[in-house]
Amino acid sequence: MRKLPCFLAVACCVCAFAGDEVPPAAESEPASAPTQAAQPEARKAADLRESPFDLRNKRLTGDWWGARPWLEERGVEFNLGLTSIFQQNARGGLRTRNAHRVSGSHDAELTLDLGAMDLVKGGRLYALAEGSWDYGVSRYVGDLFGVNTDAAGPQEVQLTELWYEQSFFDDRLRIRFGKLDLTIDFDTNAYANDETVQFLNGGLVNTANIPFPDPGHGLQLVATPCDWFYFAAGVADAEADVRETGFRTAYHGANNVFSIYEFGLTPTFESPWGRLPGNYRFGLWYDPQPKPVFFNDLGGPRRTVPLRRDDTGFYASFDQAIFRENPSIEGDEQGLGMFFRYGYAHADVNAIANFWSLGAQYRGLIPTRDDDVLAFGVAQGILSEQMRRTGADPHRETALELYYSLQLFPWLWISPDFQWILRPGGENGRDAFVAGLRLQMAF
């Protein structure tokens, strides 16, 4: 899972610069022409600056008295965000009494564009630090997917990602290595991939039966030989623990390496409803770790648990814009888009053998609310029949989620969220209804 952090810029506006006019010089003075021509540009530049804590800012603290754009022009970008989520298990599940929690996360990211810094053309260094609090209400629901993917439990600030990326051939080839989160470039989706601004349920963030490791040491490449096709491959420490640097798990013990391979078609269709971009991704994954096989121990405990190595699976992830409200306006994303996912994993060692999800998003449904988003999605995990050997009664878990993302200010979003979990846990759990509210802030 990849967070899409809300961005910070620290800020203030230089009002005096915009307000002082330079008196016009006599026509006989040629030197006055550049000064007069520069006045409107100076006013325009000053008007674009954001005063600190002005509610109209894109980021609450503005642009650092112009320091942020100055830094970005020179290759330094710093972002900070905060997400806070209230949820209540209102019906069913394991428990409803006092089954409410407030969880959240904060993150800071730093990007150094080494090309803009005149150091290394095509080079980029990235660091992401995150912290969070509380585990959310899944403990009261008993579901498989998790009703709040952002709820990572109480943890202090940790370095989640730290990597270097080098691009070649006008960004046609990108190679990245360091502490990686593979979900940034694999199994992505335009409408269902970010729990901080899109769906909260884990089944609508990623394909639920891909055993992505924690962010850890890894290497990946993404090749885009033409505008409508790409190929990506990644390897990473299969036993990574995001709370550690990765040196212990990656270079000691069994040294298991998880790998994933993906190719995609990215066409843009011309239609009466405008240019409609789409993404059609297909992937394979390989996990060499030994995993316990489902077996019948009803006659008594076995001395050894049977294990199987070299687990594999495949997945597909599609998203397609259906129509645009304003096809003549370049970059206007108001309109309807849809998505679909499917994943397969071997039934002898994976609880979820088959997984699928689908849904739709509409941006700008209400007039004058052009940036608001209404979305609905369904995800289902079909449990392995071989789990019956353990005495379980496997069926399927189905999650339905509806949210409306409302932009109160450019720096503040609020999203009412409602989820229906049918058969939580995939066996005979009571259907649950979870109501929630998410705040997303950019400082």
Protein backbone atom coordinates (compact mmCIF):
# COMPACT_ATOMS: atom_id res chain seq x y z
CA MET A 1 0.00 0.00 0.00
CA ARG A 2 1.17 3.37 -0.98
CA LYS A 3 0.03 6.52 0.96
CA LEU A 4 -0.55 9.51 -0.94
CA PRO A 5 0.57 12.05 1.81
CA CYS A 6 -1.00 15.49 2.01
CA PHE A 7 1.66 18.00 1.29
CA LEU A 8 3.22 20.62 3.45
CA ALA A 9 4.88 23.79 2.43
CA VAL A 10 5.80 26.30 5.09
CA ALA A 11 4.69 29.75 4.16
CA CYS A 12 4.09 33.40 4.01
CA CYS A 13 3.21 36.10 1.52
CA VAL A 14 5.31 39.14 0.67
CA CYS A 15 2.62 41.81 0.48
CA ALA A 16 4.85 44.85 0.47
CA PHE A 17 6.53 43.67 -2.72
CA ALA A 18 3.18 43.52 -4.49
CA GLY A 19 1.95 46.83 -3.14
CA ASP A 20 4.84 49.16 -3.95
CA GLU A 21 4.55 50.55 -7.47
CA VAL A 22 7.52 51.94 -9.31
CA PRO A 23 6.65 55.45 -10.67
CA PRO A 24 6.82 55.65 -14.47
CA ALA A 25 9.90 57.39 -15.87
CA ALA A 26 10.00 59.92 -18.67
CA GLU A 27 9.61 58.58 -22.20
CA SER A 28 13.07 59.90 -23.04
CA GLU A 29 14.65 57.40 -20.62
CA PRO A 30 15.08 54.07 -22.42
CA ALA A 31 16.12 52.38 -19.18
CA SER A 32 12.57 52.75 -17.85
CA ALA A 33 11.04 50.26 -20.30
CA PRO A 34 12.25 47.07 -18.58
CA THR A 35 11.13 48.41 -15.19
CA GLN A 36 7.61 49.16 -16.44
CA ALA A 37 7.30 45.79 -18.18
CA ALA A 38 8.41 43.97 -15.05
CA GLN A 39 5.77 45.57 -12.80
CA PRO A 40 2.79 43.38 -13.84
CA GLU A 41 4.94 40.24 -13.61
CA ALA A 42 6.11 41.23 -10.14
CA ARG A 43 2.52 41.81 -8.99
CA LYS A 44 1.44 38.50 -10.51
CA ALA A 45 4.24 36.58 -8.78
CA ALA A 46 3.39 38.19 -5.46
CA ASP A 47 -0.32 37.48 -5.86
CA LEU A 48 0.45 33.77 -6.33
CA ARG A 49 2.20 33.60 -2.98
CA GLU A 50 0.23 32.23 -0.04
CA SER A 51 -0.05 33.96 3.32
CA PRO A 52 0.48 31.68 6.32
CA PHE A 53 -2.66 30.07 7.76
CA ASP A 54 -4.90 31.55 5.09
CA LEU A 55 -7.75 29.05 4.68
CA ARG A 56 -7.59 29.50 0.91
CA ASN A 57 -4.07 28.07 0.75
CA LYS A 58 -3.34 24.76 -0.93
CA ARG A 59 -1.30 24.06 2.18
CA LEU A 60 -2.29 25.57 5.48
CA THR A 61 1.09 27.15 6.16
CA GLY A 62 1.47 28.64 2.70
CA ASP A 63 4.69 28.75 0.70
CA TRP A 64 7.29 29.72 3.32
CA TRP A 65 7.51 33.36 2.23
CA GLY A 66 8.39 32.09 -1.24
CA ALA A 67 11.07 29.70 0.05
CA ARG A 68 9.23 26.56 -0.99
CA PRO A 69 8.96 27.36 -4.73
CA TRP A 70 12.53 28.65 -4.60
CA LEU A 71 13.68 25.29 -3.18
CA GLU A 72 11.58 23.27 -5.64
CA GLU A 73 13.14 25.08 -8.58
CA ARG A 74 16.48 23.93 -7.21
CA GLY A 75 15.43 20.32 -6.72
CA VAL A 76 14.38 20.20 -3.05
CA GLU A 77 10.81 19.24 -2.18
CA PHE A 78 9.48 18.66 1.34
CA ASN A 79 5.92 17.49 2.11
CA LEU A 80 4.06 16.85 5.34
CA GLY A 81 0.60 15.39 5.88
CA LEU A 82 -1.83 14.23 8.55
CA THR A 83 -4.72 11.76 8.34
CA SER A 84 -7.22 11.18 11.16
CA ILE A 85 -10.03 8.63 11.00
CA PHE A 86 -12.97 7.93 13.33
CA GLN A 87 -14.81 4.62 12.87
CA GLN A 88 -17.62 2.85 14.71
CA ASN A 89 -18.66 -0.78 14.30
CA ALA A 90 -22.35 0.03 14.51
CA ARG A 91 -23.82 -3.41 13.82
CA GLY A 92 -22.78 -7.06 13.79
CA GLY A 93 -19.23 -8.34 13.74
CA LEU A 94 -17.65 -9.44 16.99
CA ARG A 95 -18.68 -6.49 19.15
CA THR A 96 -20.57 -3.21 18.91
CA ARG A 97 -20.41 -1.87 22.46
CA ASN A 98 -17.66 0.75 22.73
CA ALA A 99 -16.50 -0.45 19.29
CA HIS A 100 -15.27 2.93 18.12
CA ARG A 101 -11.74 4.20 17.66
CA VAL A 102 -9.88 7.25 16.42
CA SER A 103 -6.79 6.29 14.46
CA GLY A 104 -4.47 8.24 12.24
CA SER A 105 -1.07 8.76 10.73
CA HIS A 106 1.38 11.53 9.93
CA ASP A 107 4.10 11.47 7.34
CA ALA A 108 6.91 13.61 6.01
CA GLU A 109 8.69 13.12 2.72
CA LEU A 110 11.79 14.64 1.22
CA THR A 111 12.69 14.45 -2.47
CA LEU A 112 16.01 15.62 -3.89
CA ASP A 113 16.07 16.02 -7.66
CA LEU A 114 19.77 15.66 -8.33
CA GLY A 115 19.32 16.76 -11.94
CA ALA A 116 17.78 20.09 -10.93
CA MET A 117 20.59 20.42 -8.39
CA ASP A 118 23.14 20.03 -11.23
CA LEU A 119 24.62 16.94 -9.55
CA VAL A 120 23.42 13.83 -11.43
CA LYS A 121 21.17 14.06 -14.47
CA GLY A 122 18.14 11.82 -13.96
CA GLY A 123 18.99 11.09 -10.32
CA ARG A 124 16.50 11.28 -7.48
CA LEU A 125 16.83 10.59 -3.75
CA TYR A 126 13.67 10.01 -1.70
CA ALA A 127 12.94 9.54 2.02
CA LEU A 128 9.58 8.94 3.73
CA ALA A 129 9.09 8.98 7.50
CA GLU A 130 5.77 7.92 9.03
CA GLY A 131 4.13 7.59 12.40
CA SER A 132 0.67 6.43 13.49
CA TRP A 133 -1.58 5.72 16.42
CA ASP A 134 -4.21 3.04 17.21
CA TYR A 135 -5.17 -0.17 15.40
CA GLY A 136 -8.70 0.84 14.34
CA VAL A 137 -11.90 -1.19 14.70
CA SER A 138 -11.11 -4.36 12.72
CA ARG A 139 -10.61 -6.11 16.08
CA TYR A 140 -14.34 -5.52 16.72
CA VAL A 141 -15.38 -6.62 13.22
CA GLY A 142 -13.25 -9.75 12.77
CA ASP A 143 -12.75 -9.21 9.03
CA LEU A 144 -9.95 -10.38 6.75
CA PHE A 145 -9.23 -7.29 4.66
CA GLY A 146 -9.18 -4.64 7.39
CA VAL A 147 -11.72 -1.82 7.41
CA ASN A 148 -8.99 0.81 7.83
CA THR A 149 -5.72 0.25 5.98
CA ASP A 150 -4.30 3.46 7.44
CA ALA A 151 -4.53 2.10 11.01
CA ALA A 152 -1.02 0.75 11.58
CA GLY A 153 -1.06 0.79 15.38
CA PRO A 154 0.83 2.98 17.84
CA GLN A 155 4.29 3.65 16.51
CA GLU A 156 6.72 6.51 16.68
CA VAL A 157 8.18 8.07 13.57
CA GLN A 158 10.00 5.47 11.51
CA LEU A 159 11.83 5.61 8.21
CA THR A 160 9.48 3.72 5.89
CA GLU A 161 11.32 4.37 2.62
CA LEU A 162 14.78 5.51 1.66
CA TRP A 163 15.86 4.95 -1.93
CA TYR A 164 17.79 6.28 -4.87
CA GLU A 165 16.39 6.25 -8.40
CA GLN A 166 18.22 6.79 -11.66
CA SER A 167 16.39 7.39 -14.92
CA PHE A 168 17.76 6.96 -18.43
CA PHE A 169 16.66 7.73 -21.99
CA ASP A 170 14.33 10.63 -21.13
CA ASP A 171 12.73 8.67 -18.26
CA ARG A 172 12.04 5.61 -20.44
CA LEU A 173 13.96 3.46 -17.96
CA ARG A 174 13.98 3.92 -14.18
CA ILE A 175 16.09 1.88 -11.75
CA ARG A 176 15.46 2.21 -8.01
CA PHE A 177 17.22 0.62 -5.03
CA GLY A 178 17.18 1.04 -1.27
CA LYS A 179 14.43 0.54 1.28
CA LEU A 180 11.41 0.11 -1.01
CA ASP A 181 7.64 -0.19 -0.82
CA LEU A 182 6.76 -2.34 -3.85
CA THR A 183 3.12 -1.22 -3.85
CA ILE A 184 4.21 2.17 -5.25
CA ASP A 185 4.79 0.73 -8.71
CA PHE A 186 3.04 -2.68 -8.62
CA ASP A 187 -0.69 -3.50 -8.43
CA THR A 188 -1.55 0.19 -8.61
CA ASN A 189 -4.90 1.65 -9.64
CA ALA A 190 -6.11 5.15 -10.46
CA TYR A 191 -9.31 4.89 -8.41
CA ALA A 192 -8.59 2.34 -5.66
CA ASN A 193 -5.05 2.48 -4.30
CA ASP A 194 -4.69 5.11 -1.57
CA GLU A 195 -6.32 4.78 1.84
CA THR A 196 -5.69 8.42 2.75
CA VAL A 197 -7.85 9.87 -0.06
CA GLN A 198 -9.71 6.93 -1.64
CA PHE A 199 -11.16 3.71 -0.18
CA LEU A 200 -10.25 2.71 3.38
CA ASN A 201 -10.94 -1.03 3.16
CA GLY A 202 -7.83 -3.10 2.47
CA GLY A 203 -9.64 -5.08 -0.22
CA LEU A 204 -10.06 -1.86 -2.19
CA VAL A 205 -6.47 -0.66 -1.80
CA ASN A 206 -4.52 -3.67 -3.13
CA THR A 207 -5.18 -7.22 -4.32
CA ALA A 208 -5.71 -9.00 -1.01
CA ASN A 209 -3.90 -12.27 -1.81
CA ILE A 210 -0.59 -10.82 -3.01
CA PRO A 211 1.89 -11.42 -0.13
CA PHE A 212 3.67 -8.07 -0.43
CA PRO A 213 6.51 -7.89 2.12
CA ASP A 214 6.97 -4.93 4.43
CA PRO A 215 9.06 -2.09 2.98
CA GLY A 216 12.64 -3.34 3.02
CA HIS A 217 15.79 -3.68 0.99
CA GLY A 218 15.06 -4.15 -2.69
CA LEU A 219 15.70 -3.31 -6.30
CA GLN A 220 13.25 -2.55 -9.10
CA LEU A 221 13.15 -1.27 -12.64
CA VAL A 222 10.40 0.19 -14.78
CA ALA A 223 10.83 0.34 -18.57
CA THR A 224 8.48 2.36 -20.80
CA PRO A 225 9.60 1.72 -24.40
CA CYS A 226 6.56 3.55 -25.80
CA ASP A 227 3.77 5.75 -24.49
CA TRP A 228 1.20 2.94 -24.27
CA PHE A 229 3.26 0.04 -22.84
CA TYR A 230 5.51 -0.56 -19.83
CA PHE A 231 7.25 -3.43 -18.04
CA ALA A 232 8.31 -3.54 -14.40
CA ALA A 233 10.22 -6.00 -12.23
CA GLY A 234 11.11 -5.87 -8.56
CA VAL A 235 12.89 -7.96 -5.94
CA ALA A 236 12.81 -7.33 -2.20
CA ASP A 237 13.54 -8.90 1.16
CA ALA A 238 10.66 -11.33 1.75
CA GLU A 239 11.13 -11.21 5.54
CA ALA A 240 11.44 -7.44 5.82
CA ASP A 241 10.24 -5.63 8.93
CA VAL A 242 9.38 -2.00 8.27
CA ARG A 243 10.45 -1.08 11.81
CA GLU A 244 14.04 -2.06 11.05
CA THR A 245 16.68 -0.92 8.59
CA GLY A 246 16.56 -4.31 6.84
CA PHE A 247 20.20 -5.31 7.28
CA ARG A 248 19.30 -8.07 9.73
CA THR A 249 16.48 -9.68 7.76
CA ALA A 250 17.98 -9.17 4.31
CA TYR A 251 21.52 -10.41 4.94
CA HIS A 252 21.14 -12.99 7.71
CA GLY A 253 19.18 -16.23 7.95
CA ALA A 254 17.47 -17.75 4.92
CA ASN A 255 17.79 -14.63 2.75
CA ASN A 256 14.46 -15.23 1.01
CA VAL A 257 13.78 -12.81 -1.85
CA PHE A 258 10.25 -11.93 -2.98
CA SER A 259 9.94 -11.00 -6.65
CA ILE A 260 7.19 -9.49 -8.77
CA TYR A 261 6.82 -8.82 -12.49
CA GLU A 262 4.25 -6.67 -14.23
CA PHE A 263 3.47 -5.33 -17.69
CA GLY A 264 0.77 -2.90 -18.62
CA LEU A 265 -1.06 -1.24 -21.47
CA THR A 266 -1.85 2.45 -21.01
CA PRO A 267 -4.01 3.55 -23.95
CA THR A 268 -5.89 6.82 -24.25
CA PHE A 269 -9.12 6.54 -26.23
CA GLU A 270 -10.51 9.42 -28.27
CA SER A 271 -14.28 9.70 -27.87
CA PRO A 272 -17.16 12.22 -28.01
CA TRP A 273 -16.73 12.44 -24.21
CA GLY A 274 -13.10 13.50 -24.47
CA ARG A 275 -9.75 11.76 -24.14
CA LEU A 276 -10.26 8.75 -21.87
CA PRO A 277 -7.07 7.29 -20.32
CA GLY A 278 -6.95 3.70 -19.16
CA ASN A 279 -4.50 1.32 -17.48
CA TYR A 280 -4.50 -2.47 -17.92
CA ARG A 281 -1.94 -4.23 -15.71
CA PHE A 282 -1.00 -7.93 -15.52
CA GLY A 283 1.43 -9.35 -12.99
CA LEU A 284 3.09 -12.45 -11.53
CA TRP A 285 4.65 -12.82 -8.08
CA TYR A 286 6.97 -15.38 -6.49
CA ASP A 287 7.51 -15.97 -2.77
CA PRO A 288 10.15 -18.57 -1.84
CA GLN A 289 9.41 -18.64 1.90
CA PRO A 290 8.27 -21.97 3.37
CA LYS A 291 4.57 -21.79 4.23
CA PRO A 292 2.47 -24.24 6.25
CA VAL A 293 0.16 -26.40 4.13
CA PHE A 294 -3.45 -26.83 5.22
CA PHE A 295 -3.67 -30.34 6.65
CA ASN A 296 -6.01 -32.53 8.68
CA ASP A 297 -4.93 -32.68 12.32
CA LEU A 298 -8.36 -33.62 13.70
CA GLY A 299 -6.97 -36.94 14.91
CA GLY A 300 -4.42 -35.17 17.09
CA PRO A 301 -1.54 -32.74 16.73
CA ARG A 302 1.23 -33.66 14.31
CA ARG A 303 4.84 -33.53 15.35
CA THR A 304 5.80 -31.56 12.26
CA VAL A 305 3.79 -29.12 10.19
CA PRO A 306 4.05 -29.79 6.43
CA LEU A 307 5.58 -26.84 4.57
CA ARG A 308 5.71 -25.83 0.93
CA ARG A 309 8.15 -23.39 -0.65
CA ASP A 310 8.09 -21.42 -3.90
CA ASP A 311 4.58 -19.99 -3.73
CA THR A 312 3.37 -18.19 -6.88
CA GLY A 313 0.32 -16.28 -8.07
CA PHE A 314 -0.91 -13.79 -10.61
CA TYR A 315 -3.10 -10.69 -10.68
CA ALA A 316 -4.70 -8.09 -12.94
CA SER A 317 -5.64 -4.48 -12.20
CA PHE A 318 -7.63 -2.29 -14.61
CA ASP A 319 -8.92 1.28 -14.49
CA GLN A 320 -10.62 3.23 -17.25
CA ALA A 321 -12.11 6.71 -17.55
CA ILE A 322 -15.61 6.37 -19.02
CA PHE A 323 -16.47 9.98 -19.84
CA ARG A 324 -15.48 13.56 -19.05
CA GLU A 325 -17.91 16.36 -18.29
CA ASN A 326 -15.75 18.96 -20.04
CA PRO A 327 -13.91 17.16 -22.84
CA SER A 328 -12.73 20.42 -24.40
CA ILE A 329 -10.82 21.48 -21.28
CA GLU A 330 -7.39 19.87 -21.13
CA GLY A 331 -6.66 18.33 -17.73
CA ASP A 332 -10.23 18.57 -16.40
CA GLU A 333 -10.92 15.21 -14.67
CA GLN A 334 -14.58 15.70 -13.83
CA GLY A 335 -16.51 12.61 -14.85
CA LEU A 336 -16.83 8.86 -14.35
CA GLY A 337 -14.13 6.21 -14.03
CA MET A 338 -14.31 2.47 -13.24
CA PHE A 339 -11.87 -0.16 -11.94
CA PHE A 340 -11.51 -3.94 -11.61
CA ARG A 341 -9.00 -6.27 -9.93
CA TYR A 342 -8.46 -10.03 -9.78
CA GLY A 343 -5.89 -12.14 -7.97
CA TYR A 344 -5.15 -15.86 -7.76
CA ALA A 345 -3.01 -17.70 -5.18
CA HIS A 346 -2.47 -21.44 -4.55
CA ALA A 347 -5.20 -22.84 -2.33
CA ASP A 348 -3.01 -25.23 -0.33
CA VAL A 349 -1.06 -22.47 1.49
CA ASN A 350 -3.13 -19.27 1.03
CA ALA A 351 -6.37 -18.59 2.89
CA ILE A 352 -7.72 -16.41 0.04
CA ALA A 353 -7.43 -18.46 -3.14
CA ASN A 354 -9.37 -16.09 -5.40
CA PHE A 355 -9.94 -12.38 -4.99
CA TRP A 356 -11.77 -9.75 -7.03
CA SER A 357 -12.89 -6.16 -6.63
CA LEU A 358 -14.67 -3.61 -8.78
CA GLY A 359 -16.17 -0.17 -8.46
CA ALA A 360 -16.58 3.32 -9.83
CA GLN A 361 -15.66 6.91 -9.01
CA TYR A 362 -17.34 10.15 -10.06
CA ARG A 363 -15.50 13.44 -9.68
CA GLY A 364 -17.51 16.67 -9.67
CA LEU A 365 -20.98 15.11 -9.47
CA ILE A 366 -22.50 18.13 -7.68
CA PRO A 367 -22.45 21.44 -9.61
CA THR A 368 -19.89 23.93 -8.22
CA ARG A 369 -18.17 21.04 -6.33
CA ASP A 370 -15.75 20.14 -9.11
CA ASP A 371 -13.10 18.44 -6.96
CA ASP A 372 -15.38 16.35 -4.74
CA VAL A 373 -15.37 12.58 -5.31
CA LEU A 374 -18.15 10.02 -4.85
CA ALA A 375 -17.05 6.38 -5.07
CA PHE A 376 -18.43 2.89 -4.47
CA GLY A 377 -16.55 -0.40 -4.50
CA VAL A 378 -17.04 -4.12 -3.80
CA ALA A 379 -14.26 -6.56 -2.87
CA GLN A 380 -14.58 -10.29 -2.28
CA GLY A 381 -12.11 -12.88 -1.05
CA ILE A 382 -13.02 -16.52 -1.74
CA LEU A 383 -11.44 -18.76 0.88
CA SER A 384 -9.59 -21.95 0.03
CA GLU A 385 -11.68 -25.12 0.27
CA GLN A 386 -8.58 -26.88 1.57
CA MET A 387 -8.99 -24.98 4.82
CA ARG A 388 -11.69 -27.54 5.67
CA ARG A 389 -8.86 -29.95 6.47
CA THR A 390 -8.13 -27.81 9.53
CA GLY A 391 -11.73 -27.94 10.73
CA ALA A 392 -12.63 -24.49 9.40
CA ASP A 393 -15.80 -23.73 7.45
CA PRO A 394 -14.48 -21.49 4.65
CA HIS A 395 -16.80 -19.43 2.47
CA ARG A 396 -16.08 -15.85 1.35
CA GLU A 397 -15.84 -12.37 2.77
CA THR A 398 -17.44 -9.50 0.87
CA ALA A 399 -16.77 -5.82 1.60
CA LEU A 400 -18.86 -2.97 0.19
CA GLU A 401 -17.70 0.61 0.68
CA LEU A 402 -19.18 4.00 -0.15
CA TYR A 403 -17.41 7.31 0.49
CA TYR A 404 -17.79 10.95 -0.46
CA SER A 405 -14.64 13.07 -0.39
CA LEU A 406 -15.55 16.71 0.25
CA GLN A 407 -13.02 19.52 -0.13
CA LEU A 408 -13.77 22.03 2.63
CA PHE A 409 -10.65 24.05 1.86
CA PRO A 410 -7.82 23.42 -0.59
CA TRP A 411 -5.77 22.03 2.33
CA LEU A 412 -8.57 20.12 4.11
CA TRP A 413 -10.66 17.17 2.91
CA ILE A 414 -13.40 15.40 4.87
CA SER A 415 -14.77 12.01 3.81
CA PRO A 416 -17.81 10.26 5.30
CA ASP A 417 -17.27 6.53 4.80
CA PHE A 418 -19.65 3.56 5.12
CA GLN A 419 -18.76 -0.12 4.88
CA TRP A 420 -20.81 -3.29 4.88
CA ILE A 421 -18.83 -6.46 5.66
CA LEU A 422 -20.66 -9.66 4.75
CA ARG A 423 -19.44 -12.77 6.59
CA PRO A 424 -16.46 -11.14 8.30
CA GLY A 425 -13.58 -13.61 8.44
CA GLY A 426 -15.00 -15.58 5.52
CA GLU A 427 -16.70 -18.19 7.71
CA ASN A 428 -19.88 -17.61 9.68
CA GLY A 429 -19.28 -14.20 11.22
CA ARG A 430 -22.19 -11.80 11.63
CA ASP A 431 -22.54 -9.20 8.88
CA ALA A 432 -21.17 -5.87 10.08
CA PHE A 433 -21.83 -2.21 9.31
CA VAL A 434 -19.00 0.28 9.94
CA ALA A 435 -19.47 4.04 9.75
CA GLY A 436 -16.57 6.45 9.71
CA LEU A 437 -15.25 9.91 9.01
CA ARG A 438 -11.79 10.73 7.63
CA LEU A 439 -9.94 14.06 7.77
CA GLN A 440 -7.03 14.66 5.42
CA MET A 441 -4.91 17.76 5.98
CA ALA A 442 -2.06 19.45 4.13
CA PHE A 443 0.08 21.75 6.23
